[in-house]
N, C-alpha and C. Protein backbone atom coordinates (compact mmCIF):
# COMPACT_ATOMS: atom_id res chain seq x y z
N MET A 1 79.05 -56.23 -216.78
CA MET A 1 78.33 -57.26 -217.39
C MET A 1 78.33 -58.83 -216.66
N PRO A 2 77.30 -59.30 -216.43
CA PRO A 2 77.18 -60.61 -215.78
C PRO A 2 78.20 -61.72 -216.63
N LYS A 3 78.96 -62.45 -215.78
CA LYS A 3 79.67 -63.31 -216.48
C LYS A 3 79.01 -64.54 -217.29
N ASP A 4 77.86 -64.63 -217.11
CA ASP A 4 77.33 -65.79 -217.45
C ASP A 4 76.37 -65.33 -218.61
N LEU A 5 76.23 -64.11 -219.13
CA LEU A 5 75.34 -63.72 -220.00
C LEU A 5 75.52 -63.93 -221.30
N TYR A 6 76.66 -63.98 -222.03
CA TYR A 6 76.87 -64.40 -223.25
C TYR A 6 77.69 -65.50 -223.58
N TYR A 7 78.18 -66.09 -222.56
CA TYR A 7 79.10 -67.19 -222.77
C TYR A 7 78.86 -68.30 -221.75
N ASN A 8 79.25 -69.50 -221.86
CA ASN A 8 79.22 -70.51 -221.09
C ASN A 8 80.65 -70.89 -220.70
N PRO A 9 81.31 -70.91 -219.46
CA PRO A 9 82.62 -71.13 -219.01
C PRO A 9 82.85 -72.90 -219.29
N LYS A 10 84.30 -73.10 -219.70
CA LYS A 10 84.67 -74.36 -219.70
C LYS A 10 84.06 -75.24 -218.56
N GLY A 11 83.66 -76.56 -218.98
CA GLY A 11 83.42 -77.48 -218.04
C GLY A 11 81.61 -77.38 -217.98
N THR A 12 80.96 -76.47 -218.75
CA THR A 12 79.59 -76.46 -218.90
C THR A 12 79.09 -77.73 -219.45
N PRO A 13 77.92 -78.10 -219.03
CA PRO A 13 77.48 -79.52 -219.85
C PRO A 13 77.17 -79.10 -221.40
N GLU A 14 77.72 -80.21 -222.10
CA GLU A 14 77.52 -79.91 -223.58
C GLU A 14 76.38 -79.54 -224.11
N GLU A 15 75.24 -79.87 -223.54
CA GLU A 15 73.82 -79.17 -224.17
C GLU A 15 73.73 -77.69 -223.89
N LYS A 16 74.48 -77.19 -223.02
CA LYS A 16 74.51 -75.70 -222.63
C LYS A 16 75.49 -74.97 -223.40
N VAL A 17 76.30 -75.51 -224.12
CA VAL A 17 77.49 -74.70 -224.87
C VAL A 17 76.89 -74.21 -226.27
N PRO A 18 77.04 -73.11 -226.39
CA PRO A 18 76.56 -72.38 -227.68
C PRO A 18 77.23 -73.11 -228.93
N ARG A 19 76.54 -73.19 -229.86
CA ARG A 19 76.99 -73.86 -231.06
C ARG A 19 76.82 -72.91 -232.26
N ASN A 20 77.61 -73.13 -233.38
CA ASN A 20 77.40 -72.74 -234.62
C ASN A 20 76.37 -73.02 -235.40
N VAL A 21 76.07 -72.66 -236.52
CA VAL A 21 74.79 -72.96 -237.37
C VAL A 21 75.01 -74.50 -237.64
N ASP A 22 76.26 -74.88 -237.84
CA ASP A 22 76.67 -76.38 -238.18
C ASP A 22 76.21 -77.22 -237.23
N GLY A 23 76.08 -76.85 -236.06
CA GLY A 23 75.75 -77.57 -234.92
C GLY A 23 76.83 -78.49 -234.16
N ARG A 24 77.92 -78.38 -234.87
CA ARG A 24 79.16 -79.14 -234.30
C ARG A 24 80.15 -78.25 -233.57
N THR A 25 80.35 -77.04 -233.96
CA THR A 25 81.55 -76.48 -233.54
C THR A 25 81.12 -75.62 -232.27
N GLU A 26 81.87 -75.73 -231.29
CA GLU A 26 81.55 -74.87 -229.88
C GLU A 26 82.31 -73.81 -230.13
N PHE A 27 81.63 -72.71 -229.64
CA PHE A 27 82.55 -71.39 -229.26
C PHE A 27 82.34 -70.72 -227.87
N TYR A 28 83.54 -70.00 -227.60
CA TYR A 28 83.32 -69.31 -226.17
C TYR A 28 83.50 -67.93 -226.24
N ILE A 29 82.85 -67.32 -225.58
CA ILE A 29 82.99 -65.67 -225.70
C ILE A 29 83.45 -65.06 -224.42
N ASN A 30 84.53 -64.14 -224.57
CA ASN A 30 85.11 -63.79 -223.24
C ASN A 30 84.01 -62.94 -222.64
N TYR A 31 83.98 -62.97 -221.37
CA TYR A 31 82.99 -62.06 -220.54
C TYR A 31 83.38 -60.36 -220.77
N THR A 32 84.53 -60.19 -221.35
CA THR A 32 84.76 -58.63 -221.63
C THR A 32 84.18 -58.27 -222.88
N SER A 33 83.67 -59.11 -223.70
CA SER A 33 82.92 -58.82 -224.93
C SER A 33 81.60 -58.78 -224.92
N ALA A 34 81.09 -57.85 -225.67
CA ALA A 34 79.57 -57.77 -225.75
C ALA A 34 79.11 -58.20 -227.32
N LEU A 35 78.05 -58.69 -227.37
CA LEU A 35 77.42 -58.99 -228.63
C LEU A 35 76.44 -57.94 -229.03
N GLU A 36 76.27 -57.55 -230.35
CA GLU A 36 75.41 -56.43 -230.75
C GLU A 36 74.90 -56.74 -232.01
N MET A 37 73.43 -56.66 -232.31
CA MET A 37 72.86 -56.72 -233.44
C MET A 37 72.58 -55.38 -234.17
N VAL A 38 73.10 -55.20 -235.23
CA VAL A 38 73.01 -54.11 -236.00
C VAL A 38 72.37 -54.16 -237.25
N PHE A 39 71.46 -53.49 -237.50
CA PHE A 39 70.53 -53.68 -238.85
C PHE A 39 71.25 -52.50 -239.77
N ARG A 40 71.74 -53.12 -240.99
CA ARG A 40 72.18 -52.24 -242.00
C ARG A 40 71.21 -52.13 -243.26
N LEU A 41 71.10 -50.84 -243.81
CA LEU A 41 70.18 -50.84 -244.97
C LEU A 41 71.36 -50.28 -246.13
N ASN A 42 71.27 -50.76 -247.12
CA ASN A 42 72.00 -50.67 -248.26
C ASN A 42 71.06 -49.64 -249.24
N VAL A 43 71.14 -48.28 -248.81
CA VAL A 43 70.21 -47.37 -249.55
C VAL A 43 70.61 -47.13 -250.92
N ALA A 44 69.64 -47.49 -252.03
CA ALA A 44 69.74 -47.20 -253.22
C ALA A 44 70.68 -48.41 -253.87
N GLY A 45 70.92 -49.40 -253.10
CA GLY A 45 71.51 -50.54 -253.45
C GLY A 45 71.07 -51.91 -253.28
N SER A 46 71.50 -52.98 -253.68
CA SER A 46 70.94 -54.28 -253.50
C SER A 46 71.38 -54.88 -252.07
N PHE A 47 70.80 -56.21 -251.72
CA PHE A 47 71.18 -56.85 -250.68
C PHE A 47 72.79 -57.12 -251.00
N ILE A 48 73.51 -57.20 -249.67
CA ILE A 48 74.90 -57.78 -250.00
C ILE A 48 74.99 -58.90 -248.63
N ALA A 49 75.49 -60.11 -249.10
CA ALA A 49 75.42 -61.16 -248.20
C ALA A 49 76.57 -61.04 -247.24
N PRO A 50 76.69 -61.47 -246.19
CA PRO A 50 77.98 -61.32 -245.24
C PRO A 50 79.11 -61.74 -245.99
N THR A 51 79.24 -62.80 -246.75
CA THR A 51 80.22 -63.27 -247.33
C THR A 51 80.86 -62.28 -248.50
N GLU A 52 80.02 -61.59 -248.94
CA GLU A 52 80.31 -60.45 -250.06
C GLU A 52 80.72 -59.16 -249.39
N ASP A 53 80.60 -58.89 -248.34
CA ASP A 53 81.10 -57.68 -247.36
C ASP A 53 82.57 -57.57 -247.45
N THR A 54 82.93 -56.48 -247.06
CA THR A 54 84.38 -56.08 -247.23
C THR A 54 85.33 -56.45 -245.97
N GLY A 55 85.18 -57.90 -245.59
CA GLY A 55 85.72 -58.40 -244.64
C GLY A 55 85.22 -58.38 -243.31
N PHE A 56 84.17 -57.59 -243.19
CA PHE A 56 83.59 -57.49 -241.77
C PHE A 56 82.45 -58.54 -241.72
N PHE A 57 81.92 -59.25 -242.58
CA PHE A 57 80.95 -60.17 -242.75
C PHE A 57 79.65 -59.71 -242.35
N ARG A 58 79.35 -58.45 -242.66
CA ARG A 58 78.10 -57.65 -242.22
C ARG A 58 77.11 -58.06 -243.35
N GLU A 59 75.89 -57.99 -243.12
CA GLU A 59 74.76 -58.25 -244.01
C GLU A 59 73.97 -56.88 -244.22
N TRP A 60 73.92 -56.48 -245.43
CA TRP A 60 73.27 -55.28 -245.79
C TRP A 60 72.08 -55.78 -246.56
N ASN A 61 70.81 -55.01 -246.05
CA ASN A 61 69.65 -55.40 -246.71
C ASN A 61 69.24 -54.22 -247.82
N ALA A 62 68.54 -54.50 -248.86
CA ALA A 62 68.23 -53.55 -249.89
C ALA A 62 67.04 -52.76 -249.16
N ASP A 63 66.98 -51.56 -249.96
CA ASP A 63 65.94 -50.51 -249.34
C ASP A 63 64.55 -50.60 -249.64
N GLU A 64 64.27 -51.51 -250.77
CA GLU A 64 62.83 -51.40 -251.29
C GLU A 64 61.64 -51.67 -250.22
N MET A 65 61.87 -52.51 -249.33
CA MET A 65 60.82 -52.71 -248.45
C MET A 65 60.62 -51.75 -247.23
N TYR A 66 61.55 -50.61 -247.39
CA TYR A 66 61.44 -49.72 -246.29
C TYR A 66 61.16 -48.33 -246.98
N PHE A 67 60.71 -48.11 -248.17
CA PHE A 67 60.26 -47.14 -248.78
C PHE A 67 58.82 -47.37 -249.21
N LEU A 68 58.04 -46.20 -249.73
CA LEU A 68 56.81 -46.29 -250.14
C LEU A 68 56.71 -47.59 -251.25
N SER A 69 55.71 -48.29 -251.15
CA SER A 69 55.50 -49.14 -252.37
C SER A 69 54.87 -48.35 -253.40
N GLU A 70 54.79 -49.12 -254.61
CA GLU A 70 54.28 -48.53 -255.74
C GLU A 70 52.81 -48.07 -255.55
N VAL A 71 51.92 -48.83 -254.91
CA VAL A 71 50.54 -48.50 -254.65
C VAL A 71 50.45 -47.36 -253.63
N LEU A 72 51.19 -47.32 -252.66
CA LEU A 72 51.17 -46.07 -251.80
C LEU A 72 51.80 -44.56 -252.27
N LYS A 73 52.97 -44.83 -253.20
CA LYS A 73 53.51 -43.90 -253.81
C LYS A 73 52.53 -42.72 -254.47
N ASP A 74 51.46 -43.35 -255.14
CA ASP A 74 50.43 -42.43 -255.72
C ASP A 74 49.57 -41.61 -254.92
N LEU A 75 49.63 -41.92 -253.58
CA LEU A 75 49.00 -41.20 -252.49
C LEU A 75 49.71 -40.18 -251.78
N VAL A 76 51.00 -40.21 -252.10
CA VAL A 76 51.90 -39.07 -251.45
C VAL A 76 52.56 -38.09 -252.59
N PRO A 77 52.00 -37.06 -252.33
CA PRO A 77 52.46 -35.91 -253.46
C PRO A 77 54.06 -36.08 -253.62
N ASP A 78 54.53 -36.04 -254.89
CA ASP A 78 56.06 -35.68 -254.98
C ASP A 78 56.44 -34.41 -255.14
N THR A 79 55.49 -33.46 -255.16
CA THR A 79 55.93 -32.05 -255.24
C THR A 79 55.33 -31.41 -253.95
N PHE A 80 56.03 -30.48 -253.41
CA PHE A 80 55.73 -29.91 -252.12
C PHE A 80 55.33 -28.34 -252.42
N GLY A 81 55.33 -28.09 -253.57
CA GLY A 81 54.89 -26.61 -253.73
C GLY A 81 55.85 -25.63 -253.42
N ILE A 82 57.10 -26.01 -253.18
CA ILE A 82 58.12 -24.94 -252.93
C ILE A 82 58.91 -24.61 -254.26
N VAL A 83 58.83 -23.25 -254.42
CA VAL A 83 59.43 -22.65 -255.54
C VAL A 83 60.72 -21.99 -255.17
N LEU A 84 61.82 -22.48 -255.84
CA LEU A 84 63.00 -21.84 -255.44
C LEU A 84 63.43 -20.85 -256.55
N GLY A 85 64.26 -19.64 -256.04
CA GLY A 85 64.80 -18.88 -256.86
C GLY A 85 63.88 -17.70 -257.17
């Protein structure tokens, strides 16, 4: 991984140092680390904020937007004509 891909080495001009959301706190990422964005869906559950997660500070999105809306649900049959037994 390129050493300047995710971090800025010490001595980098201040305007190029990554900052947290508060805009004041500088942070540095070791070049052996990689950042990854993972999208999590809480199926049959509600939104879970990062501060409410189990210590990993993950964000879980509710599933309502990812399933058929009430309008479209009427267009898709809820039976498939399969008879069991």
